[in-house]
PDB file of N, CA and C in Angstrom:
ATOM      1  N   MET A   1       6.294 -11.633   8.723  1.00  0.00           N
ATOM      2  CA  MET A   1       6.987 -11.329   7.474  1.00  0.00           C
ATOM      3  C   MET A   1       6.253 -10.238   6.676  1.00  0.00           C
ATOM      4  N   HIS A   2       4.926 -10.269   6.732  1.00  0.00           N
ATOM      5  CA  HIS A   2       4.133  -9.312   5.956  1.00  0.00           C
ATOM      6  C   HIS A   2       4.470  -7.854   6.279  1.00  0.00           C
ATOM      7  N   PRO A   3       4.511  -7.451   7.563  1.00  0.00           N
ATOM      8  CA  PRO A   3       4.856  -6.051   7.856  1.00  0.00           C
ATOM      9  C   PRO A   3       6.255  -5.668   7.368  1.00  0.00           C
ATOM     10  N   VAL A   4       7.170  -6.604   7.404  1.00  0.00           N
ATOM     11  CA  VAL A   4       8.529  -6.330   6.933  1.00  0.00           C
ATOM     12  C   VAL A   4       8.519  -6.026   5.427  1.00  0.00           C
ATOM     13  N   LEU A   5       7.698  -6.747   4.681  1.00  0.00           N
ATOM     14  CA  LEU A   5       7.600  -6.501   3.240  1.00  0.00           C
ATOM     15  C   LEU A   5       7.051  -5.117   2.941  1.00  0.00           C
ATOM     16  N   HIS A   6       6.194  -4.596   3.828  1.00  0.00           N
ATOM     17  CA  HIS A   6       5.641  -3.254   3.643  1.00  0.00           C
ATOM     18  C   HIS A   6       6.713  -2.181   3.818  1.00  0.00           C
ATOM     19  N   VAL A   7       7.867  -2.547   4.318  1.00  0.00           N
ATOM     20  CA  VAL A   7       8.995  -1.619   4.465  1.00  0.00           C
ATOM     21  C   VAL A   7      10.047  -1.896   3.389  1.00  0.00           C
ATOM     22  N   ILE A   8      10.330  -3.165   3.139  1.00  0.00           N
ATOM     23  CA  ILE A   8      11.395  -3.542   2.200  1.00  0.00           C
ATOM     24  C   ILE A   8      11.026  -3.268   0.742  1.00  0.00           C
ATOM     25  N   ILE A   9       9.837  -3.669   0.322  1.00  0.00           N
ATOM     26  CA  ILE A   9       9.444  -3.500  -1.088  1.00  0.00           C
ATOM     27  C   ILE A   9       9.379  -2.021  -1.487  1.00  0.00           C
ATOM     28  N   PRO A  10       8.786  -1.134  -0.667  1.00  0.00           N
ATOM     29  CA  PRO A  10       8.871   0.295  -1.018  1.00  0.00           C
ATOM     30  C   PRO A  10      10.314   0.797  -1.061  1.00  0.00           C
ATOM     31  N   GLY A  11      11.174   0.254  -0.201  1.00  0.00           N
ATOM     32  CA  GLY A  11      12.587   0.656  -0.214  1.00  0.00           C
ATOM     33  C   GLY A  11      13.270   0.273  -1.509  1.00  0.00           C
ATOM     34  N   ILE A  12      13.025  -0.931  -1.958  1.00  0.00           N
ATOM     35  CA  ILE A  12      13.604  -1.386  -3.227  1.00  0.00           C
ATOM     36  C   ILE A  12      13.054  -0.557  -4.382  1.00  0.00           C
ATOM     37  N   THR A  13      11.742  -0.326  -4.363  1.00  0.00           N
ATOM     38  CA  THR A  13      11.113   0.483  -5.411  1.00  0.00           C
ATOM     39  C   THR A  13      11.685   1.894  -5.430  1.00  0.00           C
ATOM     40  N   ALA A  14      11.828   2.497  -4.252  1.00  0.00           N
ATOM     41  CA  ALA A  14      12.369   3.857  -4.159  1.00  0.00           C
ATOM     42  C   ALA A  14      13.793   3.914  -4.693  1.00  0.00           C
ATOM     43  N   CYS A  15      14.605   2.917  -4.351  1.00  0.00           N
ATOM     44  CA  CYS A  15      15.996   2.902  -4.824  1.00  0.00           C
ATOM     45  C   CYS A  15      16.078   2.742  -6.341  1.00  0.00           C
ATOM     46  N   LEU A  16      15.193   1.948  -6.903  1.00  0.00           N
ATOM     47  CA  LEU A  16      15.230   1.695  -8.341  1.00  0.00           C
ATOM     48  C   LEU A  16      14.577   2.805  -9.165  1.00  0.00           C
ATOM     49  N   ALA A  17      13.452   3.325  -8.684  1.00  0.00           N
ATOM     50  CA  ALA A  17      12.690   4.284  -9.487  1.00  0.00           C
ATOM     51  C   ALA A  17      12.984   5.743  -9.140  1.00  0.00           C
ATOM     52  N   TYR A  18      13.441   5.995  -7.940  1.00  0.00           N
ATOM     53  CA  TYR A  18      13.663   7.375  -7.490  1.00  0.00           C
ATOM     54  C   TYR A  18      15.037   7.507  -6.860  1.00  0.00           C
ATOM     55  N   ARG A  19      16.034   7.115  -7.606  1.00  0.00           N
ATOM     56  CA  ARG A  19      17.398   7.039  -7.093  1.00  0.00           C
ATOM     57  C   ARG A  19      17.860   8.334  -6.415  1.00  0.00           C
ATOM     58  N   LYS A  20      17.573   9.484  -7.005  1.00  0.00           N
ATOM     59  CA  LYS A  20      18.067  10.757  -6.460  1.00  0.00           C
ATOM     60  C   LYS A  20      17.337  11.172  -5.181  1.00  0.00           C
ATOM     61  N   ILE A  21      16.083  10.764  -5.051  1.00  0.00           N
ATOM     62  CA  ILE A  21      15.307  11.131  -3.863  1.00  0.00           C
ATOM     63  C   ILE A  21      14.781   9.876  -3.167  1.00  0.00           C
ATOM     64  N   TRP A  22      15.579   8.825  -3.168  1.00  0.00           N
ATOM     65  CA  TRP A  22      15.107   7.527  -2.691  1.00  0.00           C
ATOM     66  C   TRP A  22      14.602   7.563  -1.254  1.00  0.00           C
ATOM     67  N   LEU A  23      15.282   8.295  -0.376  1.00  0.00           N
ATOM     68  CA  LEU A  23      14.873   8.317   1.023  1.00  0.00           C
ATOM     69  C   LEU A  23      13.503   8.975   1.179  1.00  0.00           C
ATOM     70  N   LYS A  24      13.310  10.111   0.516  1.00  0.00           N
ATOM     71  CA  LYS A  24      12.018  10.798   0.561  1.00  0.00           C
ATOM     72  C   LYS A  24      10.930   9.910  -0.029  1.00  0.00           C
ATOM     73  N   ALA A  25      11.215   9.295  -1.164  1.00  0.00           N
ATOM     74  CA  ALA A  25      10.238   8.419  -1.818  1.00  0.00           C
ATOM     75  C   ALA A  25       9.898   7.231  -0.923  1.00  0.00           C
ATOM     76  N   TRP A  26      10.909   6.651  -0.307  1.00  0.00           N
ATOM     77  CA  TRP A  26      10.681   5.501   0.579  1.00  0.00           C
ATOM     78  C   TRP A  26       9.820   5.900   1.774  1.00  0.00           C
ATOM     79  N   LEU A  27      10.118   7.039   2.388  1.00  0.00           N
ATOM     80  CA  LEU A  27       9.337   7.497   3.539  1.00  0.00           C
ATOM     81  C   LEU A  27       7.877   7.738   3.165  1.00  0.00           C
ATOM     82  N   ILE A  28       7.656   8.356   2.013  1.00  0.00           N
ATOM     83  CA  ILE A  28       6.282   8.599   1.554  1.00  0.00           C
ATOM     84  C   ILE A  28       5.559   7.271   1.337  1.00  0.00           C
ATOM     85  N   MET A  29       6.237   6.318   0.691  1.00  0.00           N
ATOM     86  CA  MET A  29       5.602   5.025   0.428  1.00  0.00           C
ATOM     87  C   MET A  29       5.314   4.274   1.728  1.00  0.00           C
ATOM     88  N   VAL A  30       6.199   4.350   2.689  1.00  0.00           N
ATOM     89  CA  VAL A  30       5.958   3.687   3.968  1.00  0.00           C
ATOM     90  C   VAL A  30       4.791   4.357   4.690  1.00  0.00           C
ATOM     91  N   LEU A  31       4.680   5.665   4.560  1.00  0.00           N
ATOM     92  CA  LEU A  31       3.578   6.386   5.211  1.00  0.00           C
ATOM     93  C   LEU A  31       2.214   6.023   4.616  1.00  0.00           C
ATOM     94  N   THR A  32       2.200   5.448   3.418  1.00  0.00           N
ATOM     95  CA  THR A  32       0.913   5.048   2.842  1.00  0.00           C
ATOM     96  C   THR A  32       0.286   3.896   3.616  1.00  0.00           C
ATOM     97  N   MET A  33       1.020   3.329   4.557  1.00  0.00           N
ATOM     98  CA  MET A  33       0.443   2.272   5.389  1.00  0.00           C
ATOM     99  C   MET A  33      -0.684   2.796   6.273  1.00  0.00           C
ATOM    100  N   VAL A  34      -0.878   4.117   6.310  1.00  0.00           N
ATOM    101  CA  VAL A  34      -1.980   4.668   7.097  1.00  0.00           C
ATOM    102  C   VAL A  34      -3.331   4.170   6.591  1.00  0.00           C
ATOM    103  N   ILE A  35      -3.392   3.641   5.371  1.00  0.00           N
ATOM    104  CA  ILE A  35      -4.680   3.122   4.894  1.00  0.00           C
ATOM    105  C   ILE A  35      -5.123   1.913   5.711  1.00  0.00           C
ATOM    106  N   ASP A  36      -4.240   1.356   6.504  1.00  0.00           N
ATOM    107  CA  ASP A  36      -4.630   0.246   7.368  1.00  0.00           C
ATOM    108  C   ASP A  36      -5.501   0.696   8.536  1.00  0.00           C
ATOM    109  N   PHE A  37      -5.671   2.008   8.720  1.00  0.00           N
ATOM    110  CA  PHE A  37      -6.567   2.489   9.761  1.00  0.00           C
ATOM    111  C   PHE A  37      -8.007   2.054   9.514  1.00  0.00           C
ATOM    112  N   ASP A  38      -8.324   1.695   8.267  1.00  0.00           N
ATOM    113  CA  ASP A  38      -9.685   1.234   8.001  1.00  0.00           C
ATOM    114  C   ASP A  38      -9.953  -0.131   8.639  1.00  0.00           C
ATOM    115  N   HIS A  39      -8.924  -0.787   9.117  1.00  0.00           N
ATOM    116  CA  HIS A  39      -9.104  -2.067   9.801  1.00  0.00           C
ATOM    117  C   HIS A  39      -9.846  -1.898  11.122  1.00  0.00           C
ATOM    118  N   ILE A  40      -9.783  -0.693  11.714  1.00  0.00           N
ATOM    119  CA  ILE A  40     -10.471  -0.494  12.993  1.00  0.00           C
ATOM    120  C   ILE A  40     -11.988  -0.497  12.822  1.00  0.00           C
ATOM    121  N   LEU A  41     -12.466  -0.400  11.583  1.00  0.00           N
ATOM    122  CA  LEU A  41     -13.901  -0.451  11.326  1.00  0.00           C
ATOM    123  C   LEU A  41     -14.434  -1.884  11.337  1.00  0.00           C
ATOM    124  N   ALA A  42     -13.542  -2.851  11.299  1.00  0.00           N
ATOM    125  CA  ALA A  42     -13.939  -4.257  11.228  1.00  0.00           C
ATOM    126  C   ALA A  42     -14.036  -4.866  12.621  1.00  0.00           C
ATOM    127  N   SER A  43     -14.804  -5.912  12.704  1.00  0.00           N
ATOM    128  CA  SER A  43     -14.902  -6.657  13.951  1.00  0.00           C
ATOM    129  C   SER A  43     -14.743  -8.144  13.642  1.00  0.00           C
ATOM    130  N   PRO A  44     -13.710  -8.764  14.138  1.00  0.00           N
ATOM    131  CA  PRO A  44     -12.633  -8.214  14.960  1.00  0.00           C
ATOM    132  C   PRO A  44     -11.696  -7.351  14.105  1.00  0.00           C
ATOM    133  N   VAL A  45     -10.940  -6.496  14.783  1.00  0.00           N
ATOM    134  CA  VAL A  45     -10.023  -5.597  14.074  1.00  0.00           C
ATOM    135  C   VAL A  45      -9.019  -6.395  13.262  1.00  0.00           C
ATOM    136  N   TYR A  46      -8.488  -7.463  13.830  1.00  0.00           N
ATOM    137  CA  TYR A  46      -7.524  -8.301  13.111  1.00  0.00           C
ATOM    138  C   TYR A  46      -8.055  -9.718  13.023  1.00  0.00           C
ATOM    139  N   ASP A  47      -8.091 -10.222  11.828  1.00  0.00           N
ATOM    140  CA  ASP A  47      -8.476 -11.617  11.589  1.00  0.00           C
ATOM    141  C   ASP A  47      -7.475 -12.171  10.587  1.00  0.00           C
ATOM    142  N   PRO A  48      -6.596 -13.084  11.019  1.00  0.00           N
ATOM    143  CA  PRO A  48      -5.545 -13.578  10.129  1.00  0.00           C
ATOM    144  C   PRO A  48      -6.080 -14.315   8.899  1.00  0.00           C
ATOM    145  N   ASP A  49      -7.327 -14.770   8.954  1.00  0.00           N
ATOM    146  CA  ASP A  49      -7.895 -15.496   7.819  1.00  0.00           C
ATOM    147  C   ASP A  49      -8.719 -14.617   6.886  1.00  0.00           C
ATOM    148  N   ARG A  50      -8.824 -13.326   7.196  1.00  0.00           N
ATOM    149  CA  ARG A  50      -9.637 -12.412   6.385  1.00  0.00           C
ATOM    150  C   ARG A  50      -8.783 -11.752   5.306  1.00  0.00           C
ATOM    151  N   CYS A  51      -9.310 -11.682   4.116  1.00  0.00           N
ATOM    152  CA  CYS A  51      -8.643 -10.976   3.019  1.00  0.00           C
ATOM    153  C   CYS A  51      -9.039  -9.503   3.083  1.00  0.00           C
ATOM    154  N   SER A  52      -8.047  -8.636   3.149  1.00  0.00           N
ATOM    155  CA  SER A  52      -8.315  -7.197   3.233  1.00  0.00           C
ATOM    156  C   SER A  52      -8.901  -6.631   1.947  1.00  0.00           C
ATOM    157  N   ILE A  53      -8.537  -7.215   0.820  1.00  0.00           N
ATOM    158  CA  ILE A  53      -8.943  -6.666  -0.470  1.00  0.00           C
ATOM    159  C   ILE A  53     -10.453  -6.773  -0.632  1.00  0.00           C
ATOM    160  N   ASN A  54     -11.059  -5.639  -0.875  1.00  0.00           N
ATOM    161  CA  ASN A  54     -12.492  -5.457  -1.067  1.00  0.00           C
ATOM    162  C   ASN A  54     -13.301  -5.781   0.193  1.00  0.00           C
ATOM    163  N   PHE A  55     -12.644  -5.862   1.344  1.00  0.00           N
ATOM    164  CA  PHE A  55     -13.349  -5.995   2.615  1.00  0.00           C
ATOM    165  C   PHE A  55     -13.334  -4.661   3.357  1.00  0.00           C
ATOM    166  N   HIS A  56     -12.161  -4.059   3.448  1.00  0.00           N
ATOM    167  CA  HIS A  56     -12.019  -2.759   4.103  1.00  0.00           C
ATOM    168  C   HIS A  56     -12.197  -1.655   3.058  1.00  0.00           C
ATOM    169  N   PRO A  57     -12.800  -0.516   3.441  1.00  0.00           N
ATOM    170  CA  PRO A  57     -13.083   0.554   2.470  1.00  0.00           C
ATOM    171  C   PRO A  57     -11.863   1.069   1.703  1.00  0.00           C
ATOM    172  N   LEU A  58     -10.735   1.248   2.378  1.00  0.00           N
ATOM    173  CA  LEU A  58      -9.548   1.769   1.697  1.00  0.00           C
ATOM    174  C   LEU A  58      -8.769   0.680   0.962  1.00  0.00           C
ATOM    175  N   HIS A  59      -9.282  -0.548   1.011  1.00  0.00           N
ATOM    176  CA  HIS A  59      -8.703  -1.664   0.280  1.00  0.00           C
ATOM    177  C   HIS A  59      -9.702  -2.180  -0.769  1.00  0.00           C
ATOM    178  N   SER A  60     -10.701  -1.376  -1.077  1.00  0.00           N
ATOM    179  CA  SER A  60     -11.750  -1.779  -2.012  1.00  0.00           C
ATOM    180  C   SER A  60     -11.297  -1.570  -3.460  1.00  0.00           C
ATOM    181  N   TYR A  61     -12.003  -2.208  -4.371  1.00  0.00           N
ATOM    182  CA  TYR A  61     -11.654  -2.065  -5.792  1.00  0.00           C
ATOM    183  C   TYR A  61     -11.767  -0.614  -6.278  1.00  0.00           C
ATOM    184  N   PRO A  62     -12.809   0.126  -5.891  1.00  0.00           N
ATOM    185  CA  PRO A  62     -12.842   1.539  -6.305  1.00  0.00           C
ATOM    186  C   PRO A  62     -11.649   2.335  -5.760  1.00  0.00           C
ATOM    187  N   ALA A  63     -11.272   2.067  -4.518  1.00  0.00           N
ATOM    188  CA  ALA A  63     -10.116   2.768  -3.939  1.00  0.00           C
ATOM    189  C   ALA A  63      -8.844   2.407  -4.696  1.00  0.00           C
ATOM    190  N   ILE A  64      -8.693   1.136  -5.035  1.00  0.00           N
ATOM    191  CA  ILE A  64      -7.512   0.701  -5.793  1.00  0.00           C
ATOM    192  C   ILE A  64      -7.483   1.381  -7.161  1.00  0.00           C
ATOM    193  N   GLY A  65      -8.655   1.534  -7.769  1.00  0.00           N
ATOM    194  CA  GLY A  65      -8.732   2.268  -9.038  1.00  0.00           C
ATOM    195  C   GLY A  65      -8.282   3.709  -8.879  1.00  0.00           C
ATOM    196  N   ALA A  66      -8.698   4.342  -7.785  1.00  0.00           N
ATOM    197  CA  ALA A  66      -8.281   5.727  -7.526  1.00  0.00           C
ATOM    198  C   ALA A  66      -6.776   5.801  -7.296  1.00  0.00           C
ATOM    199  N   TYR A  67      -6.220   4.816  -6.592  1.00  0.00           N
ATOM    200  CA  TYR A  67      -4.775   4.794  -6.368  1.00  0.00           C
ATOM    201  C   TYR A  67      -4.037   4.673  -7.702  1.00  0.00           C
ATOM    202  N   SER A  68      -4.604   3.900  -8.604  1.00  0.00           N
ATOM    203  CA  SER A  68      -3.988   3.733  -9.930  1.00  0.00           C
ATOM    204  C   SER A  68      -3.969   5.051 -10.686  1.00  0.00           C
ATOM    205  N   LEU A  69      -5.025   5.835 -10.549  1.00  0.00           N
ATOM    206  CA  LEU A  69      -5.082   7.132 -11.226  1.00  0.00           C
ATOM    207  C   LEU A  69      -4.007   8.089 -10.709  1.00  0.00           C
ATOM    208  N   LEU A  70      -3.608   7.935  -9.456  1.00  0.00           N
ATOM    209  CA  LEU A  70      -2.568   8.804  -8.899  1.00  0.00           C
ATOM    210  C   LEU A  70      -1.240   8.665  -9.644  1.00  0.00           C
ATOM    211  N   LEU A  71      -1.034   7.513 -10.275  1.00  0.00           N
ATOM    212  CA  LEU A  71       0.213   7.311 -11.031  1.00  0.00           C
ATOM    213  C   LEU A  71       0.340   8.272 -12.204  1.00  0.00           C
ATOM    214  N   PHE A  72      -0.790   8.814 -12.671  1.00  0.00           N
ATOM    215  CA  PHE A  72      -0.780   9.717 -13.812  1.00  0.00           C
ATOM    216  C   PHE A  72      -0.619  11.180 -13.414  1.00  0.00           C
ATOM    217  N   ILE A  73      -0.561  11.448 -12.127  1.00  0.00           N
ATOM    218  CA  ILE A  73      -0.362  12.806 -11.621  1.00  0.00           C
ATOM    219  C   ILE A  73       1.044  12.871 -11.032  1.00  0.00           C
ATOM    220  N   PRO A  74       1.968  13.529 -11.726  1.00  0.00           N
ATOM    221  CA  PRO A  74       3.373  13.499 -11.296  1.00  0.00           C
ATOM    222  C   PRO A  74       3.607  13.799  -9.816  1.00  0.00           C
ATOM    223  N   LYS A  75       2.924  14.794  -9.245  1.00  0.00           N
ATOM    224  CA  LYS A  75       3.162  15.148  -7.847  1.00  0.00           C
ATOM    225  C   LYS A  75       2.592  14.120  -6.865  1.00  0.00           C
ATOM    226  N   LEU A  76       1.725  13.245  -7.342  1.00  0.00           N
ATOM    227  CA  LEU A  76       1.112  12.235  -6.488  1.00  0.00           C
ATOM    228  C   LEU A  76       1.547  10.816  -6.837  1.00  0.00           C
ATOM    229  N   ARG A  77       2.443  10.697  -7.796  1.00  0.00           N
ATOM    230  CA  ARG A  77       2.865   9.392  -8.296  1.00  0.00           C
ATOM    231  C   ARG A  77       3.481   8.498  -7.214  1.00  0.00           C
ATOM    232  N   ILE A  78       4.304   9.066  -6.364  1.00  0.00           N
ATOM    233  CA  ILE A  78       4.946   8.264  -5.309  1.00  0.00           C
ATOM    234  C   ILE A  78       3.893   7.750  -4.325  1.00  0.00           C
ATOM    235  N   ILE A  79       2.931   8.584  -3.996  1.00  0.00           N
ATOM    236  CA  ILE A  79       1.857   8.158  -3.107  1.00  0.00           C
ATOM    237  C   ILE A  79       1.065   7.021  -3.752  1.00  0.00           C
ATOM    238  N   GLY A  80       0.716   7.190  -5.028  1.00  0.00           N
ATOM    239  CA  GLY A  80      -0.010   6.144  -5.741  1.00  0.00           C
ATOM    240  C   GLY A  80       0.774   4.847  -5.784  1.00  0.00           C
ATOM    241  N   ALA A  81       2.066   4.946  -6.022  1.00  0.00           N
ATOM    242  CA  ALA A  81       2.907   3.742  -6.062  1.00  0.00           C
ATOM    243  C   ALA A  81       2.925   3.067  -4.695  1.00  0.00           C
ATOM    244  N   GLY A  82       3.065   3.841  -3.644  1.00  0.00           N
ATOM    245  CA  GLY A  82       3.069   3.274  -2.303  1.00  0.00           C
ATOM    246  C   GLY A  82       1.758   2.589  -1.958  1.00  0.00           C
ATOM    247  N   LEU A  83       0.655   3.221  -2.319  1.00  0.00           N
ATOM    248  CA  LEU A  83      -0.660   2.624  -2.048  1.00  0.00           C
ATOM    249  C   LEU A  83      -0.855   1.334  -2.835  1.00  0.00           C
ATOM    250  N   LEU A  84      -0.429   1.330  -4.093  1.00  0.00           N
ATOM    251  CA  LEU A  84      -0.575   0.116  -4.905  1.00  0.00           C
ATOM    252  C   LEU A  84       0.346  -1.000  -4.428  1.00  0.00           C
ATOM    253  N   ILE A  85       1.538  -0.649  -3.994  1.00  0.00           N
ATOM    254  CA  ILE A  85       2.425  -1.661  -3.411  1.00  0.00           C
ATOM    255  C   ILE A  85       1.761  -2.248  -2.166  1.00  0.00           C
ATOM    256  N   HIS A  86       1.185  -1.385  -1.360  1.00  0.00           N
ATOM    257  CA  HIS A  86       0.526  -1.829  -0.133  1.00  0.00           C
ATOM    258  C   HIS A  86      -0.600  -2.819  -0.431  1.00  0.00           C
ATOM    259  N   VAL A  87      -1.518  -2.440  -1.315  1.00  0.00           N
ATOM    260  CA  VAL A  87      -2.639  -3.353  -1.599  1.00  0.00           C
ATOM    261  C   VAL A  87      -2.161  -4.585  -2.362  1.00  0.00           C
ATOM    262  N   GLY A  88      -1.104  -4.448  -3.138  1.00  0.00           N
ATOM    263  CA  GLY A  88      -0.542  -5.615  -3.819  1.00  0.00           C
ATOM    264  C   GLY A  88       0.005  -6.630  -2.827  1.00  0.00           C
ATOM    265  N   LEU A  89       0.694  -6.144  -1.812  1.00  0.00           N
ATOM    266  CA  LEU A  89       1.199  -7.047  -0.777  1.00  0.00           C
ATOM    267  C   LEU A  89       0.055  -7.657   0.030  1.00  0.00           C
ATOM    268  N   ASP A  90      -0.978  -6.867   0.277  1.00  0.00           N
ATOM    269  CA  ASP A  90      -2.150  -7.402   0.970  1.00  0.00           C
ATOM    270  C   ASP A  90      -2.833  -8.475   0.114  1.00  0.00           C
ATOM    271  N   PHE A  91      -2.879  -8.251  -1.189  1.00  0.00           N
ATOM    272  CA  PHE A  91      -3.468  -9.246  -2.098  1.00  0.00           C
ATOM    273  C   PHE A  91      -2.685 -10.556  -2.042  1.00  0.00           C
ATOM    274  N   LEU A  92      -1.362 -10.444  -1.971  1.00  0.00           N
ATOM    275  CA  LEU A  92      -0.546 -11.665  -1.872  1.00  0.00           C
ATOM    276  C   LEU A  92      -0.914 -12.481  -0.639  1.00  0.00           C
ATOM    277  N   ASP A  93      -1.238 -11.790   0.450  1.00  0.00           N
ATOM    278  CA  ASP A  93      -1.687 -12.494   1.648  1.00  0.00           C
ATOM    279  C   ASP A  93      -2.978 -13.275   1.389  1.00  0.00           C
ATOM    280  N   CYS A  94      -3.811 -12.739   0.505  1.00  0.00           N
ATOM    281  CA  CYS A  94      -5.081 -13.395   0.203  1.00  0.00           C
ATOM    282  C   CYS A  94      -4.884 -14.691  -0.589  1.00  0.00           C
ATOM    283  N   VAL A  95      -3.892 -14.715  -1.448  1.00  0.00           N
ATOM    284  CA  VAL A  95      -3.698 -15.882  -2.309  1.00  0.00           C
ATOM    285  C   VAL A  95      -2.722 -16.908  -1.733  1.00  0.00           C
ATOM    286  N   VAL A  96      -1.946 -16.477  -0.748  1.00  0.00           N
ATOM    287  CA  VAL A  96      -0.975 -17.413  -0.152  1.00  0.00           C
ATOM    288  C   VAL A  96      -1.558 -18.041   1.094  1.00  0.00           C
TER     289      VAL A  96
END
């Protein structure tokens, strides 16, 4: 279910916030999933019981802060939104 949410939630966000360019916005937000490449630095690469937040470098609190700053730069706002949606969904995995 988790990977599906990484596609559906950006789609809903794109439709609501970027109605005129929703497809472009959705594609950009889905492409922000590349931050999961930092999982290859971990051993094991996948651990269903591990919380990604503040474990992987691109899921760290400083990185999340940087993603938040992207919201204030109009040309990077969609990327920032996609990254924050991504880590937000990962955070939900940690608490559920």
